[in-house]
């Protein structure tokens, strides 16, 4: 019998853009260490990843889905989240087993034309994600402080300073900042749900899939938007890199332990993301759809109507605070993902502020033009469109990830077990099928 492959050797490269943080966070070693201390050491990357699953783009699609179709699309939110758990566990598995992030693995495996195409598509996805953050943050600034939408979009260019300050404080403090904002968002929506008093029996029924979601073009478009907003392609690149900030033992037992704790970390964090995404949809369904307001698709309208409909003046303010926190959180992780992607695919290193400003400007220009010409309605449509673009790009990140983690030669003993491999390919098939259905529908119009 042929012995199993040895643990892959450490590569000569380090994850893109994180030379200073690579293996910078110590992990308790030795059997005498309690499991909770090790789990605490690994906690963090999953929450950075989860941020991308509750950015302003999610708000737009969940709000539209809840107001138009009630609780029916909760099943899509749940399915998307389960897909995310599987795919993010694969991203962590790739980083821990090979010492490479997904972008570096693609660079090593594919020819220059293919990897350039994959890089370009990933950059497009990051710009689409950044577009959602720009619009969401600008809307929050408008709701809270009355700043005109176009000016708010321009102000978002200054958040590059926030990223620089956070990274200079160390990776652990950056994680703490992100977790603090996540707590703010979760608390805000817990309060909103208490005020809206949803029909919990109908909520439970909403988690059961319906055939109508596929047969109804309007529901399908929003469902794919929710999928794109939930399963973020750039998060796969991000997770496979930042999981390597932990200084775990590079032996086979050490890697297996690291994989176990990293998977727990991401699963718990994504469960929080599920709560927030579902809460947005439930809030829209119980507040607007239940009262016949089925055309509430704009964040500004939701903010304006929450207080009078729920009879609580704080409801609108809480909504805007959570939106601002979501926009700022997503800004942090999108910047990190962009840095990882550029350096991983191209081996091109740029100063962080240059990289951040370039990406942000590519998002600001179309957002400002749409806001100036079409007003709030145009920006909301732009938000939903950005999430559909993300979903269309998703297969080009998922297929390489599943392929790499199914390769025993590449992964060694940490290759995906057969049940996980089968699940991952099933998830990939669903994503591809949904995207083909969307494209066919758009072409038929």
Protein backbone atom coordinates (compact mmCIF):
# COMPACT_ATOMS: atom_id res chain seq x y z
CA UNK A 1 0.00 0.00 0.00
CA UNK A 2 1.30 3.44 -0.90
CA UNK A 3 1.78 5.59 2.21
CA UNK A 4 -0.19 8.85 2.35
CA UNK A 5 1.61 11.95 1.18
CA UNK A 6 3.62 13.79 3.78
CA UNK A 7 2.61 17.17 5.11
CA UNK A 8 3.33 19.70 2.34
CA UNK A 9 6.51 21.66 2.80
CA UNK A 10 6.23 25.31 3.75
CA UNK A 11 6.40 27.59 0.70
CA UNK A 12 9.07 30.22 0.28
CA UNK A 13 6.44 32.94 0.01
CA UNK A 14 4.23 34.40 2.69
CA UNK A 15 0.59 35.44 2.29
CA UNK A 16 0.23 38.54 0.15
CA UNK A 17 0.42 41.83 1.98
CA UNK A 18 0.71 40.36 5.47
CA UNK A 19 4.44 39.82 5.91
CA UNK A 20 4.40 41.51 9.31
CA UNK A 21 1.37 39.62 10.61
CA UNK A 22 2.18 36.16 9.20
CA UNK A 23 2.34 33.78 12.22
CA UNK A 24 2.40 36.83 14.49
CA UNK A 25 -0.31 35.68 16.90
CA UNK A 26 0.91 33.02 19.37
CA UNK A 27 -1.08 29.85 19.98
CA UNK A 28 -0.79 27.96 23.30
CA UNK A 29 1.00 24.64 22.78
CA UNK A 30 1.17 21.47 24.82
CA UNK A 31 -1.49 19.03 25.95
CA UNK A 32 -1.79 20.71 29.33
CA UNK A 33 -3.27 23.83 27.72
CA UNK A 34 -7.08 24.01 28.03
CA UNK A 35 -8.99 23.83 24.75
CA UNK A 36 -10.73 27.16 25.34
CA UNK A 37 -7.42 29.02 25.41
CA UNK A 38 -6.50 27.56 22.04
CA UNK A 39 -9.94 28.38 20.68
CA UNK A 40 -9.57 31.96 21.91
CA UNK A 41 -6.22 32.23 20.14
CA UNK A 42 -7.79 31.14 16.85
CA UNK A 43 -10.89 33.33 17.25
CA UNK A 44 -10.79 36.35 14.96
CA UNK A 45 -10.30 35.51 11.27
CA UNK A 46 -13.81 34.09 11.06
CA UNK A 47 -15.29 37.40 12.22
CA UNK A 48 -13.26 39.35 9.66
CA UNK A 49 -14.69 37.01 7.03
CA UNK A 50 -18.22 37.25 8.44
CA UNK A 51 -18.14 41.03 7.94
CA UNK A 52 -18.41 40.49 4.19
CA UNK A 53 -21.60 38.51 4.73
CA UNK A 54 -23.46 41.45 6.27
CA UNK A 55 -22.25 44.45 4.26
CA UNK A 56 -24.64 47.13 2.89
CA UNK A 57 -25.18 45.05 -0.25
CA UNK A 58 -26.82 42.40 1.93
CA UNK A 59 -29.07 45.06 3.40
CA UNK A 60 -30.37 46.09 -0.03
CA UNK A 61 -31.16 42.56 -1.19
CA UNK A 62 -32.58 41.41 2.16
CA UNK A 63 -34.70 44.55 2.49
CA UNK A 64 -36.07 44.16 -1.04
CA UNK A 65 -36.70 40.45 -0.51
CA UNK A 66 -38.53 40.94 2.78
CA UNK A 67 -40.72 43.83 1.67
CA UNK A 68 -41.69 42.22 -1.67
CA UNK A 69 -42.04 38.56 -0.72
CA UNK A 70 -42.36 38.47 3.05
CA UNK A 71 -40.51 35.63 4.74
CA UNK A 72 -40.27 33.44 1.61
CA UNK A 73 -36.61 34.18 0.87
CA UNK A 74 -35.41 33.24 4.36
CA UNK A 75 -34.70 29.80 2.92
CA UNK A 76 -32.27 31.42 0.47
CA UNK A 77 -30.54 33.27 3.31
CA UNK A 78 -30.17 29.97 5.20
CA UNK A 79 -28.96 28.03 2.14
CA UNK A 80 -26.47 30.77 1.28
CA UNK A 81 -25.13 30.73 4.81
CA UNK A 82 -24.71 26.95 4.82
CA UNK A 83 -22.83 27.23 1.52
CA UNK A 84 -20.66 29.91 3.08
CA UNK A 85 -19.79 27.67 6.04
CA UNK A 86 -18.65 24.90 3.68
CA UNK A 87 -16.65 27.18 1.40
CA UNK A 88 -14.97 29.14 4.18
CA UNK A 89 -13.93 25.91 5.88
CA UNK A 90 -12.27 24.92 2.59
CA UNK A 91 -10.49 28.28 2.42
CA UNK A 92 -9.11 27.74 5.93
CA UNK A 93 -8.14 24.17 5.01
CA UNK A 94 -6.19 25.38 1.97
CA UNK A 95 -4.27 28.03 3.90
CA UNK A 96 -3.41 25.76 6.83
CA UNK A 97 -2.45 22.72 4.72
CA UNK A 98 -0.38 24.44 2.02
CA UNK A 99 0.77 27.70 3.56
CA UNK A 100 -0.62 29.47 0.49
CA UNK A 101 -3.64 31.70 0.10
CA UNK A 102 -6.06 31.02 -2.76
CA UNK A 103 -4.54 33.68 -5.01
CA UNK A 104 -1.04 32.25 -4.58
CA UNK A 105 -2.33 28.73 -5.19
CA UNK A 106 -3.95 29.91 -8.44
CA UNK A 107 -0.73 31.60 -9.51
CA UNK A 108 1.18 28.38 -8.92
CA UNK A 109 -1.37 26.14 -10.68
CA UNK A 110 -2.52 28.08 -13.74
CA UNK A 111 -0.94 29.56 -16.87
CA UNK A 112 -0.41 33.36 -17.03
CA UNK A 113 -3.51 34.03 -19.21
CA UNK A 114 -5.77 32.05 -16.87
CA UNK A 115 -4.48 33.62 -13.69
CA UNK A 116 -4.71 37.11 -15.24
CA UNK A 117 -8.34 36.41 -16.08
CA UNK A 118 -9.03 35.15 -12.55
CA UNK A 119 -7.29 38.20 -11.09
CA UNK A 120 -9.32 40.59 -13.25
CA UNK A 121 -12.59 38.90 -12.30
CA UNK A 122 -11.68 38.99 -8.62
CA UNK A 123 -10.79 42.69 -8.86
CA UNK A 124 -14.19 43.28 -10.46
CA UNK A 125 -15.83 41.52 -7.53
CA UNK A 126 -13.88 43.62 -5.02
CA UNK A 127 -14.90 46.81 -6.83
CA UNK A 128 -18.54 45.64 -6.79
CA UNK A 129 -18.24 44.97 -3.07
CA UNK A 130 -16.59 48.35 -2.52
CA UNK A 131 -19.40 49.97 -4.48
CA UNK A 132 -21.90 48.56 -1.99
CA UNK A 133 -19.82 49.86 0.92
CA UNK A 134 -19.50 53.32 -0.62
CA UNK A 135 -23.24 53.62 -1.23
CA UNK A 136 -24.19 52.11 2.12
CA UNK A 137 -21.85 54.35 4.11
CA UNK A 138 -22.98 57.44 2.18
CA UNK A 139 -26.63 56.61 2.83
CA UNK A 140 -25.88 56.14 6.55
CA UNK A 141 -24.11 59.52 6.68
CA UNK A 142 -27.09 61.11 4.95
CA UNK A 143 -29.57 59.53 7.36
CA UNK A 144 -27.62 60.37 10.50
CA UNK A 145 -26.13 63.78 9.68
CA UNK A 146 -28.02 65.05 6.64
CA UNK A 147 -24.95 64.98 4.38
CA UNK A 148 -26.02 65.00 0.70
CA UNK A 149 -25.62 61.61 -0.95
CA UNK A 150 -23.03 62.70 -3.53
CA UNK A 151 -20.90 64.41 -0.87
CA UNK A 152 -21.20 61.39 1.40
CA UNK A 153 -19.90 59.19 -1.41
CA UNK A 154 -16.89 61.49 -1.82
CA UNK A 155 -16.25 61.51 1.95
CA UNK A 156 -15.87 57.72 1.90
CA UNK A 157 -12.51 58.21 0.14
CA UNK A 158 -11.13 59.36 3.49
CA UNK A 159 -11.67 55.98 5.14
CA UNK A 160 -8.27 54.95 3.77
CA UNK A 161 -6.89 56.68 6.87
CA UNK A 162 -8.99 54.39 9.08
CA UNK A 163 -7.43 51.34 7.43
CA UNK A 164 -3.90 52.66 7.85
CA UNK A 165 -4.43 53.44 11.55
CA UNK A 166 -5.99 50.05 12.26
CA UNK A 167 -3.23 48.06 10.55
CA UNK A 168 -0.57 49.98 12.44
CA UNK A 169 -2.19 48.97 15.73
CA UNK A 170 -1.59 45.26 15.10
CA UNK A 171 -3.73 42.48 13.71
CA UNK A 172 -5.31 41.52 17.04
CA UNK A 173 -6.55 45.06 17.64
CA UNK A 174 -7.91 45.19 14.11
CA UNK A 175 -9.87 42.03 14.86
CA UNK A 176 -11.13 43.56 18.12
CA UNK A 177 -12.33 46.66 16.25
CA UNK A 178 -14.25 44.53 13.76
CA UNK A 179 -15.82 42.37 16.48
CA UNK A 180 -16.87 45.50 18.40
CA UNK A 181 -18.72 46.83 15.34
CA UNK A 182 -20.32 43.41 14.80
CA UNK A 183 -21.66 43.53 18.35
CA UNK A 184 -23.10 46.98 17.63
CA UNK A 185 -24.86 45.70 14.49
CA UNK A 186 -26.22 42.59 16.22
CA UNK A 187 -27.49 44.64 19.18
CA UNK A 188 -29.21 47.12 16.88
CA UNK A 189 -31.09 44.38 15.05
CA UNK A 190 -32.02 42.58 18.26
CA UNK A 191 -33.71 45.82 19.33
CA UNK A 192 -35.38 46.27 15.92
CA UNK A 193 -36.81 42.73 16.01
CA UNK A 194 -38.16 43.32 19.50
CA UNK A 195 -39.94 46.44 18.26
CA UNK A 196 -41.28 44.87 15.04
CA UNK A 197 -42.80 41.78 16.75
CA UNK A 198 -42.65 39.39 13.77
CA UNK A 199 -44.89 36.34 13.33
CA UNK A 200 -42.40 33.70 14.49
CA UNK A 201 -44.44 30.81 13.03
CA UNK A 202 -44.28 32.49 9.62
CA UNK A 203 -40.57 33.11 10.15
CA UNK A 204 -40.00 29.40 10.78
CA UNK A 205 -42.02 28.52 7.66
CA UNK A 206 -39.90 30.94 5.64
CA UNK A 207 -36.83 28.76 6.17
CA UNK A 208 -38.50 25.96 4.15
CA UNK A 209 -37.52 26.21 0.43
CA UNK A 210 -40.24 26.89 -2.14
CA UNK A 211 -40.32 25.99 -5.85
CA UNK A 212 -41.71 29.46 -6.56
CA UNK A 213 -38.28 30.95 -5.92
CA UNK A 214 -37.00 29.31 -9.12
CA UNK A 215 -40.14 29.80 -11.23
CA UNK A 216 -40.71 33.46 -10.33
CA UNK A 217 -38.14 35.64 -12.21
CA UNK A 218 -38.38 38.51 -9.72
CA UNK A 219 -37.81 36.19 -6.76
CA UNK A 220 -34.98 34.42 -8.57
CA UNK A 221 -33.20 37.70 -9.31
CA UNK A 222 -33.34 38.68 -5.64
CA UNK A 223 -32.41 35.14 -4.55
CA UNK A 224 -29.25 35.26 -6.65
CA UNK A 225 -28.56 38.73 -5.32
CA UNK A 226 -28.83 37.34 -1.78
CA UNK A 227 -26.50 34.50 -2.75
CA UNK A 228 -23.98 36.97 -4.17
CA UNK A 229 -24.30 39.20 -1.12
CA UNK A 230 -23.86 36.29 1.28
CA UNK A 231 -21.20 34.08 -0.32
CA UNK A 232 -18.54 36.66 -1.16
CA UNK A 233 -15.83 35.49 -3.59
CA UNK A 234 -13.10 37.74 -2.20
CA UNK A 235 -13.72 36.32 1.28
CA UNK A 236 -12.32 32.98 0.10
CA UNK A 237 -9.03 34.68 -0.76
CA UNK A 238 -9.08 36.64 2.48
CA UNK A 239 -9.75 33.68 4.78
CA UNK A 240 -7.09 31.44 3.23
CA UNK A 241 -4.55 34.17 4.03
CA UNK A 242 -5.48 35.55 7.45
CA UNK A 243 -5.89 32.09 8.97
CA UNK A 244 -2.09 31.97 8.70
CA UNK A 245 -1.66 34.84 11.15
CA UNK A 246 -1.78 32.18 13.88
CA UNK A 247 1.55 30.66 14.88
CA UNK A 248 0.39 27.06 15.15
CA UNK A 249 2.69 24.04 15.03
CA UNK A 250 3.55 23.01 11.48
CA UNK A 251 3.41 19.30 12.30
CA UNK A 252 0.49 17.19 11.10
CA UNK A 253 -1.22 17.17 14.55
CA UNK A 254 -0.64 20.92 14.81
CA UNK A 255 -2.23 21.56 11.43
CA UNK A 256 -5.20 19.34 12.20
CA UNK A 257 -5.77 21.15 15.48
CA UNK A 258 -5.45 24.51 13.72
CA UNK A 259 -7.99 23.43 11.10
CA UNK A 260 -10.45 22.28 13.76
CA UNK A 261 -10.31 25.55 15.71
CA UNK A 262 -10.31 27.71 12.55
CA UNK A 263 -13.43 25.91 11.34
CA UNK A 264 -15.16 26.45 14.69
CA UNK A 265 -14.19 30.13 14.55
CA UNK A 266 -15.62 30.70 11.07
CA UNK A 267 -18.77 28.63 11.70
CA UNK A 268 -19.64 30.56 14.87
CA UNK A 269 -18.96 33.89 13.14
CA UNK A 270 -21.07 32.95 10.13
CA UNK A 271 -23.91 31.95 12.44
CA UNK A 272 -23.85 35.53 13.70
CA UNK A 273 -23.95 36.69 10.07
CA UNK A 274 -26.98 34.44 9.49
CA UNK A 275 -28.78 36.07 12.40
CA UNK A 276 -28.12 39.57 11.07
CA UNK A 277 -29.05 38.80 7.46
CA UNK A 278 -32.20 37.00 8.52
CA UNK A 279 -33.02 39.85 10.91
CA UNK A 280 -32.90 42.41 8.08
CA UNK A 281 -35.28 40.34 5.96
CA UNK A 282 -37.58 39.57 8.90
CA UNK A 283 -37.65 43.25 9.87
CA UNK A 284 -38.68 44.21 6.32
CA UNK A 285 -41.28 41.44 6.13
CA UNK A 286 -42.87 42.12 9.52
CA UNK A 287 -42.75 45.91 9.25
CA UNK A 288 -43.51 46.57 5.58
CA UNK A 289 -44.77 43.46 3.76
CA UNK A 290 -47.24 42.64 6.53
CA UNK A 291 -48.75 46.13 6.10
CA UNK A 292 -48.98 45.95 2.32
CA UNK A 293 -45.85 48.07 1.73
CA UNK A 294 -44.32 45.76 -0.85
CA UNK A 295 -42.32 48.36 -2.75
CA UNK A 296 -39.89 49.35 0.02
CA UNK A 297 -36.58 48.59 -1.65
CA UNK A 298 -34.57 51.68 -0.73
CA UNK A 299 -32.63 51.99 2.51
CA UNK A 300 -33.74 55.63 2.83
CA UNK A 301 -37.41 54.64 2.67
CA UNK A 302 -36.89 51.94 5.28
CA UNK A 303 -35.19 54.46 7.57
CA UNK A 304 -37.97 57.04 7.05
CA UNK A 305 -40.81 54.61 7.70
CA UNK A 306 -39.45 52.50 10.56
CA UNK A 307 -40.13 55.06 13.27
CA UNK A 308 -43.79 55.90 12.37
CA UNK A 309 -44.71 52.31 11.51
CA UNK A 310 -43.19 50.81 14.65
CA UNK A 311 -44.17 53.76 16.84
CA UNK A 312 -40.63 54.20 18.19
CA UNK A 313 -38.55 57.22 17.22
CA UNK A 314 -35.33 55.36 18.00
CA UNK A 315 -36.01 52.67 15.38
CA UNK A 316 -34.80 54.80 12.46
CA UNK A 317 -31.69 56.01 14.30
CA UNK A 318 -30.75 52.47 15.32
CA UNK A 319 -31.15 51.33 11.71
CA UNK A 320 -28.79 54.07 10.45
CA UNK A 321 -26.18 53.38 13.14
CA UNK A 322 -26.10 49.69 12.22
CA UNK A 323 -25.78 50.60 8.52
CA UNK A 324 -22.82 52.88 9.21
CA UNK A 325 -21.11 50.19 11.30
CA UNK A 326 -21.65 47.63 8.54
CA UNK A 327 -20.17 49.93 5.92
CA UNK A 328 -17.06 50.68 7.95
CA UNK A 329 -16.50 47.05 8.85
CA UNK A 330 -16.75 45.94 5.24
CA UNK A 331 -14.29 48.64 4.21
CA UNK A 332 -11.63 47.08 6.43
CA UNK A 333 -11.94 43.56 5.07
CA UNK A 334 -12.37 44.55 1.41
CA UNK A 335 -9.09 46.46 1.59
CA UNK A 336 -7.30 43.46 3.05
CA UNK A 337 -8.77 41.14 0.42
CA UNK A 338 -7.72 43.47 -2.39
CA UNK A 339 -4.17 43.54 -1.10
CA UNK A 340 -4.05 39.75 -0.86
CA UNK A 341 -5.46 39.27 -4.35
CA UNK A 342 -3.12 41.69 -6.08
CA UNK A 343 0.01 40.37 -4.40
CA UNK A 344 -1.06 36.74 -4.65
CA UNK A 345 -1.90 36.74 -8.35
CA UNK A 346 0.60 39.30 -9.64
CA UNK A 347 3.32 39.42 -6.97
CA UNK A 348 2.78 43.17 -7.16
CA UNK A 349 3.14 45.06 -3.90
CA UNK A 350 1.74 48.58 -3.59
CA UNK A 351 1.60 50.85 -0.55
CA UNK A 352 -1.64 50.16 1.28
CA UNK A 353 -2.96 53.69 0.83
CA UNK A 354 -2.35 53.53 -2.95
CA UNK A 355 -4.14 50.19 -3.25
CA UNK A 356 -7.04 51.36 -1.09
CA UNK A 357 -7.46 54.71 -2.81
CA UNK A 358 -7.37 53.17 -6.30
CA UNK A 359 -10.09 50.64 -5.46
CA UNK A 360 -12.20 53.21 -3.68
CA UNK A 361 -12.02 55.69 -6.57
CA UNK A 362 -13.17 52.99 -9.00
CA UNK A 363 -16.23 52.57 -6.80
CA UNK A 364 -16.79 56.26 -6.01
CA UNK A 365 -16.98 57.49 -9.61
CA UNK A 366 -19.94 55.33 -10.77
CA UNK A 367 -21.68 55.70 -7.40
CA UNK A 368 -21.41 59.50 -7.49
CA UNK A 369 -22.59 59.67 -11.10
CA UNK A 370 -25.61 57.46 -10.39
CA UNK A 371 -26.45 59.33 -7.18
CA UNK A 372 -26.19 62.69 -8.90
CA UNK A 373 -28.26 61.71 -11.93
CA UNK A 374 -30.81 59.19 -10.62
CA UNK A 375 -30.91 60.03 -6.91
CA UNK A 376 -31.56 57.52 -4.07
CA UNK A 377 -33.52 55.11 -6.28
CA UNK A 378 -30.57 54.68 -8.59
CA UNK A 379 -28.14 53.96 -5.77
CA UNK A 380 -30.37 51.22 -4.38
CA UNK A 381 -30.59 49.55 -7.80
CA UNK A 382 -26.81 49.88 -8.02
CA UNK A 383 -26.49 48.12 -4.66
CA UNK A 384 -28.58 45.14 -5.79
CA UNK A 385 -26.79 44.98 -9.16
CA UNK A 386 -23.42 44.92 -7.38
CA UNK A 387 -24.51 41.82 -5.47
CA UNK A 388 -25.60 40.06 -8.67
CA UNK A 389 -22.16 40.86 -10.17
CA UNK A 390 -20.56 39.27 -7.11
CA UNK A 391 -22.67 36.15 -7.54
CA UNK A 392 -21.73 35.86 -11.22
CA UNK A 393 -18.05 36.01 -10.30
CA UNK A 394 -18.38 33.45 -7.52
CA UNK A 395 -17.83 30.26 -9.61
CA UNK A 396 -14.41 31.54 -10.73
CA UNK A 397 -13.26 31.54 -7.10
CA UNK A 398 -15.16 28.48 -5.89
CA UNK A 399 -14.10 26.01 -8.61
CA UNK A 400 -10.32 26.50 -8.05
CA UNK A 401 -10.82 26.33 -4.27
CA UNK A 402 -12.76 23.04 -4.39
CA UNK A 403 -10.33 21.61 -6.94
CA UNK A 404 -7.24 22.47 -4.87
CA UNK A 405 -8.63 21.16 -1.59
CA UNK A 406 -9.65 17.89 -3.31
CA UNK A 407 -6.08 17.32 -4.56
CA UNK A 408 -4.19 14.92 -2.27
CA UNK A 409 -0.86 15.77 -3.88
CA UNK A 410 -1.35 19.42 -2.97
CA UNK A 411 -3.06 19.02 0.39
CA UNK A 412 -1.36 15.92 1.81
CA UNK A 413 -3.22 14.35 4.71
CA UNK A 414 -5.47 17.42 5.05
CA UNK A 415 -7.14 16.75 1.70
CA UNK A 416 -10.92 17.13 1.94
CA UNK A 417 -12.63 13.90 3.02
CA UNK A 418 -14.99 12.41 0.47
CA UNK A 419 -18.16 13.63 2.15
CA UNK A 420 -16.84 17.20 2.25
CA UNK A 421 -15.58 16.93 -1.32
CA UNK A 422 -19.02 15.76 -2.50
CA UNK A 423 -20.74 18.54 -0.55
CA UNK A 424 -18.38 21.16 -1.96
CA UNK A 425 -18.96 20.06 -5.56
CA UNK A 426 -22.72 20.05 -4.93
CA UNK A 427 -22.50 23.63 -3.63
CA UNK A 428 -20.46 24.54 -6.71
CA UNK A 429 -23.06 22.97 -9.01
CA UNK A 430 -25.89 24.91 -7.32
CA UNK A 431 -23.99 28.18 -7.65
CA UNK A 432 -23.22 27.58 -11.33
CA UNK A 433 -26.81 26.49 -12.07
CA UNK A 434 -28.29 29.57 -10.39
CA UNK A 435 -25.95 31.86 -12.28
CA UNK A 436 -26.72 30.19 -15.63
CA UNK A 437 -30.44 30.57 -14.88
CA UNK A 438 -29.96 34.25 -14.15
CA UNK A 439 -27.95 34.85 -17.33
CA UNK A 440 -30.53 32.99 -19.42
CA UNK A 441 -33.31 35.08 -17.90
CA UNK A 442 -31.47 38.33 -18.55
CA UNK A 443 -30.77 37.36 -22.16
CA UNK A 444 -34.41 36.43 -22.70
CA UNK A 445 -35.63 39.88 -21.64
